[in-house]
Amino acid sequence: MIIRALFLRILHPIPINSARDQFFLYLGGVGGVGKTYLIKAFMSSLSIIRKHDDVLLTASTRAAAANVNSATYHSTLGFGNNGNQPVRQATRSRLSHKKIFILDEISIVSLENLVQINDRCNTI
């Protein structure tokens, strides 16, 4: 069901004109239930249909990022050392076409950081 919802979002994109048009999905569970495995399977499936570039895959730590062959959200979204650097044009150009944002290991991200991530994504 989750994979189907994500695939539909990629194959049949919905124009996002306001925050109410956004599609949010939280995949939670205790350690070892397969959340990261599901993300890897989703990305692998997108590679087969050549749509993997539509997804911005990040993680909250370097270890988690390495596990999904990605980078931390800090470096991907262009946060500086204090988290409030302006968005560089190169970052905006690289990310503006992304349709889905995945953040692995979200459970260790603070509410303050989630607000910063949301603001940054809205800026891009």
PDB file of N, CA and C in Angstrom:
ATOM      1  N   MET A   1       0.821  -1.192   0.000  1.00  0.00           N
ATOM      2  CA  MET A   1       0.000   0.000   0.000  1.00  0.00           C
ATOM      3  C   MET A   1       0.869   1.261   0.000  1.00  0.00           C
ATOM      4  N   ILE A   2       1.920   1.272   0.822  1.00  0.00           N
ATOM      5  CA  ILE A   2       2.794   2.437   0.908  1.00  0.00           C
ATOM      6  C   ILE A   2       3.532   2.642  -0.406  1.00  0.00           C
ATOM      7  N   ILE A   3       4.100   1.562  -0.926  1.00  0.00           N
ATOM      8  CA  ILE A   3       4.840   1.655  -2.185  1.00  0.00           C
ATOM      9  C   ILE A   3       3.916   2.118  -3.302  1.00  0.00           C
ATOM     10  N   ARG A   4       2.705   1.626  -3.327  1.00  0.00           N
ATOM     11  CA  ARG A   4       1.741   2.019  -4.359  1.00  0.00           C
ATOM     12  C   ARG A   4       1.465   3.524  -4.298  1.00  0.00           C
ATOM     13  N   ALA A   5       1.261   4.043  -3.107  1.00  0.00           N
ATOM     14  CA  ALA A   5       1.001   5.478  -2.945  1.00  0.00           C
ATOM     15  C   ALA A   5       2.186   6.295  -3.439  1.00  0.00           C
ATOM     16  N   LEU A   6       3.393   5.847  -3.139  1.00  0.00           N
ATOM     17  CA  LEU A   6       4.583   6.567  -3.588  1.00  0.00           C
ATOM     18  C   LEU A   6       4.735   6.502  -5.102  1.00  0.00           C
ATOM     19  N   PHE A   7       4.504   5.322  -5.683  1.00  0.00           N
ATOM     20  CA  PHE A   7       4.604   5.189  -7.133  1.00  0.00           C
ATOM     21  C   PHE A   7       3.580   6.059  -7.840  1.00  0.00           C
ATOM     22  N   LEU A   8       2.371   6.107  -7.330  1.00  0.00           N
ATOM     23  CA  LEU A   8       1.352   6.962  -7.942  1.00  0.00           C
ATOM     24  C   LEU A   8       1.771   8.421  -7.899  1.00  0.00           C
ATOM     25  N   ARG A   9       2.438   8.803  -6.838  1.00  0.00           N
ATOM     26  CA  ARG A   9       2.913  10.190  -6.717  1.00  0.00           C
ATOM     27  C   ARG A   9       3.965  10.507  -7.780  1.00  0.00           C
ATOM     28  N   ILE A  10       4.785   9.518  -8.116  1.00  0.00           N
ATOM     29  CA  ILE A  10       5.816   9.699  -9.134  1.00  0.00           C
ATOM     30  C   ILE A  10       5.216   9.634 -10.535  1.00  0.00           C
ATOM     31  N   LEU A  11       4.391   8.634 -10.781  1.00  0.00           N
ATOM     32  CA  LEU A  11       3.870   8.417 -12.127  1.00  0.00           C
ATOM     33  C   LEU A  11       2.780   9.411 -12.513  1.00  0.00           C
ATOM     34  N   HIS A  12       2.026   9.872 -11.533  1.00  0.00           N
ATOM     35  CA  HIS A  12       0.936  10.819 -11.795  1.00  0.00           C
ATOM     36  C   HIS A  12       1.057  11.997 -10.836  1.00  0.00           C
ATOM     37  N   PRO A  13       2.021  12.872 -11.097  1.00  0.00           N
ATOM     38  CA  PRO A  13       2.247  13.977 -10.157  1.00  0.00           C
ATOM     39  C   PRO A  13       1.054  14.918 -10.053  1.00  0.00           C
ATOM     40  N   ILE A  14       0.874  15.407  -8.861  1.00  0.00           N
ATOM     41  CA  ILE A  14      -0.196  16.364  -8.568  1.00  0.00           C
ATOM     42  C   ILE A  14       0.449  17.730  -8.395  1.00  0.00           C
ATOM     43  N   PRO A  15      -0.042  18.746  -9.088  1.00  0.00           N
ATOM     44  CA  PRO A  15       0.529  20.080  -8.881  1.00  0.00           C
ATOM     45  C   PRO A  15       0.333  20.528  -7.434  1.00  0.00           C
ATOM     46  N   ILE A  16       1.390  21.031  -6.843  1.00  0.00           N
ATOM     47  CA  ILE A  16       1.314  21.501  -5.463  1.00  0.00           C
ATOM     48  C   ILE A  16       1.222  23.018  -5.485  1.00  0.00           C
ATOM     49  N   ASN A  17       0.032  23.519  -5.192  1.00  0.00           N
ATOM     50  CA  ASN A  17      -0.203  24.959  -5.187  1.00  0.00           C
ATOM     51  C   ASN A  17      -0.235  25.528  -3.783  1.00  0.00           C
ATOM     52  N   SER A  18      -0.414  24.654  -2.797  1.00  0.00           N
ATOM     53  CA  SER A  18      -0.433  25.105  -1.414  1.00  0.00           C
ATOM     54  C   SER A  18       0.010  23.950  -0.523  1.00  0.00           C
ATOM     55  N   ALA A  19       0.190  24.253   0.749  1.00  0.00           N
ATOM     56  CA  ALA A  19       0.614  23.222   1.697  1.00  0.00           C
ATOM     57  C   ALA A  19      -0.417  22.109   1.800  1.00  0.00           C
ATOM     58  N   ARG A  20      -1.673  22.405   1.521  1.00  0.00           N
ATOM     59  CA  ARG A  20      -2.716  21.382   1.605  1.00  0.00           C
ATOM     60  C   ARG A  20      -2.609  20.361   0.491  1.00  0.00           C
ATOM     61  N   ASP A  21      -1.917  20.680  -0.586  1.00  0.00           N
ATOM     62  CA  ASP A  21      -1.758  19.753  -1.704  1.00  0.00           C
ATOM     63  C   ASP A  21      -0.618  18.757  -1.485  1.00  0.00           C
ATOM     64  N   GLN A  22       0.184  18.979  -0.450  1.00  0.00           N
ATOM     65  CA  GLN A  22       1.327  18.106  -0.216  1.00  0.00           C
ATOM     66  C   GLN A  22       0.873  16.730   0.257  1.00  0.00           C
ATOM     67  N   PHE A  23       1.681  15.747  -0.049  1.00  0.00           N
ATOM     68  CA  PHE A  23       1.431  14.365   0.357  1.00  0.00           C
ATOM     69  C   PHE A  23       2.469  14.004   1.414  1.00  0.00           C
ATOM     70  N   PHE A  24       2.009  13.724   2.631  1.00  0.00           N
ATOM     71  CA  PHE A  24       2.905  13.356   3.717  1.00  0.00           C
ATOM     72  C   PHE A  24       2.696  11.901   4.056  1.00  0.00           C
ATOM     73  N   LEU A  25       3.795  11.201   4.264  1.00  0.00           N
ATOM     74  CA  LEU A  25       3.724   9.797   4.651  1.00  0.00           C
ATOM     75  C   LEU A  25       4.790   9.552   5.698  1.00  0.00           C
ATOM     76  N   TYR A  26       4.389   9.032   6.825  1.00  0.00           N
ATOM     77  CA  TYR A  26       5.339   8.689   7.889  1.00  0.00           C
ATOM     78  C   TYR A  26       5.385   7.180   8.000  1.00  0.00           C
ATOM     79  N   LEU A  27       6.564   6.636   7.871  1.00  0.00           N
ATOM     80  CA  LEU A  27       6.761   5.201   8.001  1.00  0.00           C
ATOM     81  C   LEU A  27       7.529   4.967   9.294  1.00  0.00           C
ATOM     82  N   GLY A  28       6.870   4.427  10.284  1.00  0.00           N
ATOM     83  CA  GLY A  28       7.492   4.252  11.582  1.00  0.00           C
ATOM     84  C   GLY A  28       7.481   2.805  12.025  1.00  0.00           C
ATOM     85  N   GLY A  29       8.157   2.557  13.110  1.00  0.00           N
ATOM     86  CA  GLY A  29       8.209   1.217  13.688  1.00  0.00           C
ATOM     87  C   GLY A  29       9.492   1.054  14.479  1.00  0.00           C
ATOM     88  N   VAL A  30       9.530   0.003  15.275  1.00  0.00           N
ATOM     89  CA  VAL A  30      10.725  -0.262  16.074  1.00  0.00           C
ATOM     90  C   VAL A  30      11.868  -0.674  15.158  1.00  0.00           C
ATOM     91  N   GLY A  31      13.080  -0.622  15.702  1.00  0.00           N
ATOM     92  CA  GLY A  31      14.259  -0.997  14.926  1.00  0.00           C
ATOM     93  C   GLY A  31      14.172  -2.423  14.407  1.00  0.00           C
ATOM     94  N   GLY A  32      14.560  -2.603  13.157  1.00  0.00           N
ATOM     95  CA  GLY A  32      14.621  -3.942  12.588  1.00  0.00           C
ATOM     96  C   GLY A  32      13.379  -4.415  11.868  1.00  0.00           C
ATOM     97  N   VAL A  33      12.352  -3.559  11.743  1.00  0.00           N
ATOM     98  CA  VAL A  33      11.129  -4.015  11.063  1.00  0.00           C
ATOM     99  C   VAL A  33      11.194  -3.851   9.547  1.00  0.00           C
ATOM    100  N   GLY A  34      12.197  -3.133   9.044  1.00  0.00           N
ATOM    101  CA  GLY A  34      12.369  -3.049   7.608  1.00  0.00           C
ATOM    102  C   GLY A  34      12.066  -1.709   6.972  1.00  0.00           C
ATOM    103  N   LYS A  35      12.096  -0.646   7.738  1.00  0.00           N
ATOM    104  CA  LYS A  35      11.809   0.677   7.173  1.00  0.00           C
ATOM    105  C   LYS A  35      12.844   1.058   6.118  1.00  0.00           C
ATOM    106  N   THR A  36      14.110   0.918   6.445  1.00  0.00           N
ATOM    107  CA  THR A  36      15.175   1.248   5.491  1.00  0.00           C
ATOM    108  C   THR A  36      15.153   0.276   4.318  1.00  0.00           C
ATOM    109  N   TYR A  37      14.847  -0.973   4.561  1.00  0.00           N
ATOM    110  CA  TYR A  37      14.731  -1.966   3.499  1.00  0.00           C
ATOM    111  C   TYR A  37      13.646  -1.547   2.503  1.00  0.00           C
ATOM    112  N   LEU A  38      12.529  -1.059   3.017  1.00  0.00           N
ATOM    113  CA  LEU A  38      11.436  -0.601   2.157  1.00  0.00           C
ATOM    114  C   LEU A  38      11.870   0.595   1.309  1.00  0.00           C
ATOM    115  N   ILE A  39      12.618   1.499   1.910  1.00  0.00           N
ATOM    116  CA  ILE A  39      13.124   2.656   1.165  1.00  0.00           C
ATOM    117  C   ILE A  39      14.058   2.191   0.045  1.00  0.00           C
ATOM    118  N   LYS A  40      14.953   1.267   0.359  1.00  0.00           N
ATOM    119  CA  LYS A  40      15.874   0.744  -0.656  1.00  0.00           C
ATOM    120  C   LYS A  40      15.115   0.042  -1.782  1.00  0.00           C
ATOM    121  N   ALA A  41      14.097  -0.723  -1.435  1.00  0.00           N
ATOM    122  CA  ALA A  41      13.292  -1.413  -2.452  1.00  0.00           C
ATOM    123  C   ALA A  41      12.568  -0.409  -3.341  1.00  0.00           C
ATOM    124  N   PHE A  42      12.040   0.641  -2.735  1.00  0.00           N
ATOM    125  CA  PHE A  42      11.357   1.690  -3.490  1.00  0.00           C
ATOM    126  C   PHE A  42      12.314   2.363  -4.470  1.00  0.00           C
ATOM    127  N   MET A  43      13.497   2.715  -3.987  1.00  0.00           N
ATOM    128  CA  MET A  43      14.487   3.368  -4.848  1.00  0.00           C
ATOM    129  C   MET A  43      14.947   2.439  -5.970  1.00  0.00           C
ATOM    130  N   SER A  44      15.113   1.180  -5.660  1.00  0.00           N
ATOM    131  CA  SER A  44      15.509   0.204  -6.671  1.00  0.00           C
ATOM    132  C   SER A  44      14.436   0.076  -7.748  1.00  0.00           C
ATOM    133  N   SER A  45      13.190   0.047  -7.332  1.00  0.00           N
ATOM    134  CA  SER A  45      12.085  -0.029  -8.293  1.00  0.00           C
ATOM    135  C   SER A  45      12.030   1.208  -9.178  1.00  0.00           C
ATOM    136  N   LEU A  46      12.281   2.363  -8.592  1.00  0.00           N
ATOM    137  CA  LEU A  46      12.288   3.593  -9.384  1.00  0.00           C
ATOM    138  C   LEU A  46      13.431   3.594 -10.391  1.00  0.00           C
ATOM    139  N   SER A  47      14.543   2.991 -10.032  1.00  0.00           N
ATOM    140  CA  SER A  47      15.671   2.902 -10.960  1.00  0.00           C
ATOM    141  C   SER A  47      15.301   2.096 -12.194  1.00  0.00           C
ATOM    142  N   ILE A  48      14.526   1.063 -11.991  1.00  0.00           N
ATOM    143  CA  ILE A  48      14.111   0.208 -13.112  1.00  0.00           C
ATOM    144  C   ILE A  48      13.291   0.995 -14.124  1.00  0.00           C
ATOM    145  N   ILE A  49      12.427   1.866 -13.635  1.00  0.00           N
ATOM    146  CA  ILE A  49      11.597   2.660 -14.561  1.00  0.00           C
ATOM    147  C   ILE A  49      12.193   4.039 -14.830  1.00  0.00           C
ATOM    148  N   ARG A  50      13.435   4.217 -14.431  1.00  0.00           N
ATOM    149  CA  ARG A  50      14.198   5.451 -14.661  1.00  0.00           C
ATOM    150  C   ARG A  50      13.515   6.704 -14.091  1.00  0.00           C
ATOM    151  N   LYS A  51      13.027   6.557 -12.876  1.00  0.00           N
ATOM    152  CA  LYS A  51      12.389   7.679 -12.188  1.00  0.00           C
ATOM    153  C   LYS A  51      13.059   7.988 -10.857  1.00  0.00           C
ATOM    154  N   HIS A  52      14.198   7.364 -10.576  1.00  0.00           N
ATOM    155  CA  HIS A  52      14.856   7.563  -9.286  1.00  0.00           C
ATOM    156  C   HIS A  52      15.328   8.999  -9.078  1.00  0.00           C
ATOM    157  N   ASP A  53      15.515   9.734 -10.153  1.00  0.00           N
ATOM    158  CA  ASP A  53      15.974  11.119 -10.018  1.00  0.00           C
ATOM    159  C   ASP A  53      14.862  12.053  -9.517  1.00  0.00           C
ATOM    160  N   ASP A  54      13.630  11.558  -9.478  1.00  0.00           N
ATOM    161  CA  ASP A  54      12.520  12.358  -8.961  1.00  0.00           C
ATOM    162  C   ASP A  54      12.499  12.414  -7.435  1.00  0.00           C
ATOM    163  N   VAL A  55      13.326  11.582  -6.803  1.00  0.00           N
ATOM    164  CA  VAL A  55      13.307  11.460  -5.348  1.00  0.00           C
ATOM    165  C   VAL A  55      14.580  12.042  -4.746  1.00  0.00           C
ATOM    166  N   LEU A  56      14.398  12.814  -3.710  1.00  0.00           N
ATOM    167  CA  LEU A  56      15.523  13.316  -2.925  1.00  0.00           C
ATOM    168  C   LEU A  56      15.610  12.443  -1.682  1.00  0.00           C
ATOM    169  N   LEU A  57      16.575  11.544  -1.673  1.00  0.00           N
ATOM    170  CA  LEU A  57      16.765  10.610  -0.569  1.00  0.00           C
ATOM    171  C   LEU A  57      17.851  11.140   0.352  1.00  0.00           C
ATOM    172  N   THR A  58      17.506  11.339   1.610  1.00  0.00           N
ATOM    173  CA  THR A  58      18.456  11.829   2.597  1.00  0.00           C
ATOM    174  C   THR A  58      18.322  11.005   3.870  1.00  0.00           C
ATOM    175  N   ALA A  59      19.191  11.287   4.816  1.00  0.00           N
ATOM    176  CA  ALA A  59      19.108  10.651   6.128  1.00  0.00           C
ATOM    177  C   ALA A  59      19.564  11.657   7.179  1.00  0.00           C
ATOM    178  N   SER A  60      19.280  11.325   8.426  1.00  0.00           N
ATOM    179  CA  SER A  60      19.585  12.275   9.491  1.00  0.00           C
ATOM    180  C   SER A  60      21.021  12.174   9.992  1.00  0.00           C
ATOM    181  N   THR A  61      21.689  11.062   9.752  1.00  0.00           N
ATOM    182  CA  THR A  61      23.076  10.893  10.193  1.00  0.00           C
ATOM    183  C   THR A  61      23.922  10.362   9.041  1.00  0.00           C
ATOM    184  N   ARG A  62      25.232  10.505   9.178  1.00  0.00           N
ATOM    185  CA  ARG A  62      26.128   9.990   8.132  1.00  0.00           C
ATOM    186  C   ARG A  62      26.026   8.482   8.002  1.00  0.00           C
ATOM    187  N   ALA A  63      25.915   7.795   9.129  1.00  0.00           N
ATOM    188  CA  ALA A  63      25.815   6.331   9.096  1.00  0.00           C
ATOM    189  C   ALA A  63      24.543   5.884   8.378  1.00  0.00           C
ATOM    190  N   ALA A  64      23.431   6.533   8.686  1.00  0.00           N
ATOM    191  CA  ALA A  64      22.168   6.190   8.027  1.00  0.00           C
ATOM    192  C   ALA A  64      22.220   6.547   6.547  1.00  0.00           C
ATOM    193  N   ALA A  65      22.851   7.664   6.224  1.00  0.00           N
ATOM    194  CA  ALA A  65      22.984   8.077   4.823  1.00  0.00           C
ATOM    195  C   ALA A  65      23.821   7.066   4.037  1.00  0.00           C
ATOM    196  N   ALA A  66      24.905   6.610   4.640  1.00  0.00           N
ATOM    197  CA  ALA A  66      25.747   5.611   3.974  1.00  0.00           C
ATOM    198  C   ALA A  66      24.974   4.318   3.731  1.00  0.00           C
ATOM    199  N   ASN A  67      24.073   3.988   4.637  1.00  0.00           N
ATOM    200  CA  ASN A  67      23.285   2.764   4.523  1.00  0.00           C
ATOM    201  C   ASN A  67      22.301   2.803   3.350  1.00  0.00           C
ATOM    202  N   VAL A  68      21.879   4.004   2.947  1.00  0.00           N
ATOM    203  CA  VAL A  68      20.955   4.129   1.812  1.00  0.00           C
ATOM    204  C   VAL A  68      21.623   4.795   0.607  1.00  0.00           C
ATOM    205  N   ASN A  69      22.960   4.834   0.612  1.00  0.00           N
ATOM    206  CA  ASN A  69      23.726   5.427  -0.495  1.00  0.00           C
ATOM    207  C   ASN A  69      23.284   6.856  -0.791  1.00  0.00           C
ATOM    208  N   SER A  70      23.247   7.662   0.238  1.00  0.00           N
ATOM    209  CA  SER A  70      22.796   9.031   0.096  1.00  0.00           C
ATOM    210  C   SER A  70      23.692   9.953   0.917  1.00  0.00           C
ATOM    211  N   ALA A  71      23.144  11.100   1.281  1.00  0.00           N
ATOM    212  CA  ALA A  71      23.860  12.067   2.106  1.00  0.00           C
ATOM    213  C   ALA A  71      22.913  12.546   3.197  1.00  0.00           C
ATOM    214  N   THR A  72      23.449  13.258   4.167  1.00  0.00           N
ATOM    215  CA  THR A  72      22.584  13.799   5.208  1.00  0.00           C
ATOM    216  C   THR A  72      21.730  14.928   4.635  1.00  0.00           C
ATOM    217  N   TYR A  73      20.620  15.178   5.297  1.00  0.00           N
ATOM    218  CA  TYR A  73      19.770  16.279   4.834  1.00  0.00           C
ATOM    219  C   TYR A  73      20.493  17.605   4.967  1.00  0.00           C
ATOM    220  N   HIS A  74      21.414  17.704   5.918  1.00  0.00           N
ATOM    221  CA  HIS A  74      22.178  18.942   6.107  1.00  0.00           C
ATOM    222  C   HIS A  74      22.948  19.300   4.833  1.00  0.00           C
ATOM    223  N   SER A  75      23.704  18.337   4.337  1.00  0.00           N
ATOM    224  CA  SER A  75      24.525  18.623   3.156  1.00  0.00           C
ATOM    225  C   SER A  75      23.684  18.685   1.889  1.00  0.00           C
ATOM    226  N   THR A  76      22.669  17.840   1.785  1.00  0.00           N
ATOM    227  CA  THR A  76      21.840  17.826   0.578  1.00  0.00           C
ATOM    228  C   THR A  76      21.063  19.118   0.395  1.00  0.00           C
ATOM    229  N   LEU A  77      20.521  19.641   1.491  1.00  0.00           N
ATOM    230  CA  LEU A  77      19.722  20.865   1.420  1.00  0.00           C
ATOM    231  C   LEU A  77      20.561  22.129   1.552  1.00  0.00           C
ATOM    232  N   GLY A  78      21.860  21.967   1.746  1.00  0.00           N
ATOM    233  CA  GLY A  78      22.753  23.115   1.779  1.00  0.00           C
ATOM    234  C   GLY A  78      22.702  23.916   3.058  1.00  0.00           C
ATOM    235  N   PHE A  79      22.435  23.248   4.185  1.00  0.00           N
ATOM    236  CA  PHE A  79      22.494  23.944   5.470  1.00  0.00           C
ATOM    237  C   PHE A  79      23.944  24.242   5.794  1.00  0.00           C
ATOM    238  N   GLY A  80      24.186  25.388   6.358  1.00  0.00           N
ATOM    239  CA  GLY A  80      25.530  25.721   6.816  1.00  0.00           C
ATOM    240  C   GLY A  80      25.746  25.168   8.209  1.00  0.00           C
ATOM    241  N   ASN A  81      26.817  25.585   8.849  1.00  0.00           N
ATOM    242  CA  ASN A  81      27.126  25.108  10.193  1.00  0.00           C
ATOM    243  C   ASN A  81      26.051  25.484  11.214  1.00  0.00           C
ATOM    244  N   ASN A  82      25.432  26.635  11.034  1.00  0.00           N
ATOM    245  CA  ASN A  82      24.407  27.053  11.991  1.00  0.00           C
ATOM    246  C   ASN A  82      22.987  26.832  11.469  1.00  0.00           C
ATOM    247  N   GLY A  83      22.830  26.262  10.290  1.00  0.00           N
ATOM    248  CA  GLY A  83      21.519  25.886   9.773  1.00  0.00           C
ATOM    249  C   GLY A  83      20.701  26.972   9.131  1.00  0.00           C
ATOM    250  N   ASN A  84      21.209  28.202   9.066  1.00  0.00           N
ATOM    251  CA  ASN A  84      20.391  29.265   8.487  1.00  0.00           C
ATOM    252  C   ASN A  84      21.083  29.973   7.324  1.00  0.00           C
ATOM    253  N   GLN A  85      21.905  29.265   6.600  1.00  0.00           N
ATOM    254  CA  GLN A  85      22.542  29.840   5.423  1.00  0.00           C
ATOM    255  C   GLN A  85      21.509  30.008   4.313  1.00  0.00           C
ATOM    256  N   PRO A  86      21.618  31.043   3.496  1.00  0.00           N
ATOM    257  CA  PRO A  86      20.680  31.190   2.376  1.00  0.00           C
ATOM    258  C   PRO A  86      20.881  30.061   1.368  1.00  0.00           C
ATOM    259  N   VAL A  87      19.825  29.766   0.638  1.00  0.00           N
ATOM    260  CA  VAL A  87      19.892  28.706  -0.366  1.00  0.00           C
ATOM    261  C   VAL A  87      20.729  29.184  -1.541  1.00  0.00           C
ATOM    262  N   ARG A  88      21.743  28.413  -1.870  1.00  0.00           N
ATOM    263  CA  ARG A  88      22.582  28.745  -3.023  1.00  0.00           C
ATOM    264  C   ARG A  88      21.847  28.375  -4.311  1.00  0.00           C
ATOM    265  N   GLN A  89      22.136  29.097  -5.362  1.00  0.00           N
ATOM    266  CA  GLN A  89      21.494  28.835  -6.650  1.00  0.00           C
ATOM    267  C   GLN A  89      21.798  27.424  -7.142  1.00  0.00           C
ATOM    268  N   ALA A  90      23.004  26.934  -6.892  1.00  0.00           N
ATOM    269  CA  ALA A  90      23.367  25.579  -7.313  1.00  0.00           C
ATOM    270  C   ALA A  90      22.495  24.542  -6.610  1.00  0.00           C
ATOM    271  N   THR A  91      22.226  24.763  -5.337  1.00  0.00           N
ATOM    272  CA  THR A  91      21.356  23.846  -4.583  1.00  0.00           C
ATOM    273  C   THR A  91      19.943  23.901  -5.128  1.00  0.00           C
ATOM    274  N   ARG A  92      19.463  25.095  -5.375  1.00  0.00           N
ATOM    275  CA  ARG A  92      18.112  25.262  -5.911  1.00  0.00           C
ATOM    276  C   ARG A  92      17.975  24.587  -7.276  1.00  0.00           C
ATOM    277  N   SER A  93      18.951  24.761  -8.139  1.00  0.00           N
ATOM    278  CA  SER A  93      18.912  24.153  -9.474  1.00  0.00           C
ATOM    279  C   SER A  93      18.961  22.631  -9.401  1.00  0.00           C
ATOM    280  N   ARG A  94      19.743  22.116  -8.469  1.00  0.00           N
ATOM    281  CA  ARG A  94      19.915  20.670  -8.338  1.00  0.00           C
ATOM    282  C   ARG A  94      18.682  19.986  -7.759  1.00  0.00           C
ATOM    283  N   LEU A  95      17.898  20.694  -6.970  1.00  0.00           N
ATOM    284  CA  LEU A  95      16.805  20.058  -6.238  1.00  0.00           C
ATOM    285  C   LEU A  95      15.399  20.482  -6.655  1.00  0.00           C
ATOM    286  N   SER A  96      15.255  21.511  -7.447  1.00  0.00           N
ATOM    287  CA  SER A  96      13.926  22.065  -7.722  1.00  0.00           C
ATOM    288  C   SER A  96      12.991  21.105  -8.449  1.00  0.00           C
ATOM    289  N   HIS A  97      13.515  20.121  -9.160  1.00  0.00           N
ATOM    290  CA  HIS A  97      12.655  19.195  -9.899  1.00  0.00           C
ATOM    291  C   HIS A  97      12.238  17.969  -9.083  1.00  0.00           C
ATOM    292  N   LYS A  98      12.731  17.830  -7.880  1.00  0.00           N
ATOM    293  CA  LYS A  98      12.420  16.658  -7.061  1.00  0.00           C
ATOM    294  C   LYS A  98      10.951  16.651  -6.676  1.00  0.00           C
ATOM    295  N   LYS A  99      10.347  15.465  -6.694  1.00  0.00           N
ATOM    296  CA  LYS A  99       8.924  15.338  -6.386  1.00  0.00           C
ATOM    297  C   LYS A  99       8.679  14.733  -5.008  1.00  0.00           C
ATOM    298  N   ILE A 100       9.624  13.922  -4.548  1.00  0.00           N
ATOM    299  CA  ILE A 100       9.476  13.250  -3.252  1.00  0.00           C
ATOM    300  C   ILE A 100      10.739  13.467  -2.443  1.00  0.00           C
ATOM    301  N   PHE A 101      10.539  13.783  -1.167  1.00  0.00           N
ATOM    302  CA  PHE A 101      11.645  13.955  -0.227  1.00  0.00           C
ATOM    303  C   PHE A 101      11.546  12.838   0.803  1.00  0.00           C
ATOM    304  N   ILE A 102      12.596  12.026   0.905  1.00  0.00           N
ATOM    305  CA  ILE A 102      12.631  10.944   1.882  1.00  0.00           C
ATOM    306  C   ILE A 102      13.735  11.245   2.885  1.00  0.00           C
ATOM    307  N   LEU A 103      13.386  11.144   4.153  1.00  0.00           N
ATOM    308  CA  LEU A 103      14.343  11.353   5.233  1.00  0.00           C
ATOM    309  C   LEU A 103      14.369  10.090   6.088  1.00  0.00           C
ATOM    310  N   ASP A 104      15.408   9.277   5.909  1.00  0.00           N
ATOM    311  CA  ASP A 104      15.538   8.051   6.691  1.00  0.00           C
ATOM    312  C   ASP A 104      16.032   8.403   8.091  1.00  0.00           C
ATOM    313  N   GLU A 105      15.621   7.606   9.055  1.00  0.00           N
ATOM    314  CA  GLU A 105      15.946   7.829  10.469  1.00  0.00           C
ATOM    315  C   GLU A 105      15.410   9.175  10.952  1.00  0.00           C
ATOM    316  N   ILE A 106      14.175   9.450  10.611  1.00  0.00           N
ATOM    317  CA  ILE A 106      13.551  10.722  10.983  1.00  0.00           C
ATOM    318  C   ILE A 106      13.269  10.810  12.483  1.00  0.00           C
ATOM    319  N   SER A 107      13.220   9.673  13.145  1.00  0.00           N
ATOM    320  CA  SER A 107      12.858   9.681  14.568  1.00  0.00           C
ATOM    321  C   SER A 107      13.859  10.437  15.436  1.00  0.00           C
ATOM    322  N   ILE A 108      15.069  10.652  14.934  1.00  0.00           N
ATOM    323  CA  ILE A 108      16.041  11.385  15.748  1.00  0.00           C
ATOM    324  C   ILE A 108      16.186  12.843  15.311  1.00  0.00           C
ATOM    325  N   VAL A 109      15.275  13.302  14.474  1.00  0.00           N
ATOM    326  CA  VAL A 109      15.281  14.702  14.023  1.00  0.00           C
ATOM    327  C   VAL A 109      14.345  15.501  14.936  1.00  0.00           C
ATOM    328  N   SER A 110      14.837  16.593  15.439  1.00  0.00           N
ATOM    329  CA  SER A 110      14.030  17.422  16.349  1.00  0.00           C
ATOM    330  C   SER A 110      12.950  18.181  15.588  1.00  0.00           C
ATOM    331  N   LEU A 111      11.965  18.643  16.322  1.00  0.00           N
ATOM    332  CA  LEU A 111      10.902  19.447  15.720  1.00  0.00           C
ATOM    333  C   LEU A 111      11.473  20.718  15.103  1.00  0.00           C
ATOM    334  N   GLU A 112      12.431  21.330  15.775  1.00  0.00           N
ATOM    335  CA  GLU A 112      13.072  22.531  15.238  1.00  0.00           C
ATOM    336  C   GLU A 112      13.739  22.245  13.888  1.00  0.00           C
ATOM    337  N   ASN A 113      14.410  21.105  13.793  1.00  0.00           N
ATOM    338  CA  ASN A 113      15.051  20.751  12.525  1.00  0.00           C
ATOM    339  C   ASN A 113      14.024  20.431  11.438  1.00  0.00           C
ATOM    340  N   LEU A 114      12.910  19.822  11.824  1.00  0.00           N
ATOM    341  CA  LEU A 114      11.854  19.557  10.840  1.00  0.00           C
ATOM    342  C   LEU A 114      11.295  20.858  10.273  1.00  0.00           C
ATOM    343  N   VAL A 115      11.158  21.858  11.120  1.00  0.00           N
ATOM    344  CA  VAL A 115      10.698  23.179  10.658  1.00  0.00           C
ATOM    345  C   VAL A 115      11.722  23.773   9.702  1.00  0.00           C
ATOM    346  N   GLN A 116      13.019  23.668  10.032  1.00  0.00           N
ATOM    347  CA  GLN A 116      14.065  24.169   9.138  1.00  0.00           C
ATOM    348  C   GLN A 116      14.049  23.431   7.799  1.00  0.00           C
ATOM    349  N   ILE A 117      13.853  22.108   7.831  1.00  0.00           N
ATOM    350  CA  ILE A 117      13.795  21.322   6.597  1.00  0.00           C
ATOM    351  C   ILE A 117      12.605  21.759   5.760  1.00  0.00           C
ATOM    352  N   ASN A 118      11.460  21.922   6.392  1.00  0.00           N
ATOM    353  CA  ASN A 118      10.257  22.372   5.681  1.00  0.00           C
ATOM    354  C   ASN A 118      10.472  23.747   5.042  1.00  0.00           C
ATOM    355  N   ASP A 119      11.042  24.664   5.814  1.00  0.00           N
ATOM    356  CA  ASP A 119      11.297  26.004   5.284  1.00  0.00           C
ATOM    357  C   ASP A 119      12.250  25.951   4.107  1.00  0.00           C
ATOM    358  N   ARG A 120      13.293  25.144   4.224  1.00  0.00           N
ATOM    359  CA  ARG A 120      14.271  25.036   3.153  1.00  0.00           C
ATOM    360  C   ARG A 120      13.643  24.451   1.891  1.00  0.00           C
ATOM    361  N   CYS A 121      12.848  23.400   2.046  1.00  0.00           N
ATOM    362  CA  CYS A 121      12.180  22.788   0.888  1.00  0.00           C
ATOM    363  C   CYS A 121      11.219  23.762   0.226  1.00  0.00           C
ATOM    364  N   ASN A 122      10.486  24.536   1.032  1.00  0.00           N
ATOM    365  CA  ASN A 122       9.578  25.531   0.474  1.00  0.00           C
ATOM    366  C   ASN A 122      10.326  26.628  -0.254  1.00  0.00           C
ATOM    367  N   THR A 123      11.513  26.957   0.209  1.00  0.00           N
ATOM    368  CA  THR A 123      12.330  27.975  -0.449  1.00  0.00           C
ATOM    369  C   THR A 123      12.846  27.480  -1.797  1.00  0.00           C
ATOM    370  N   ILE A 124      13.201  26.212  -1.827  1.00  0.00           N
ATOM    371  CA  ILE A 124      13.727  25.630  -3.078  1.00  0.00           C
ATOM    372  C   ILE A 124      12.605  25.449  -4.051  1.00  0.00           C
TER     373      ILE A 124
END
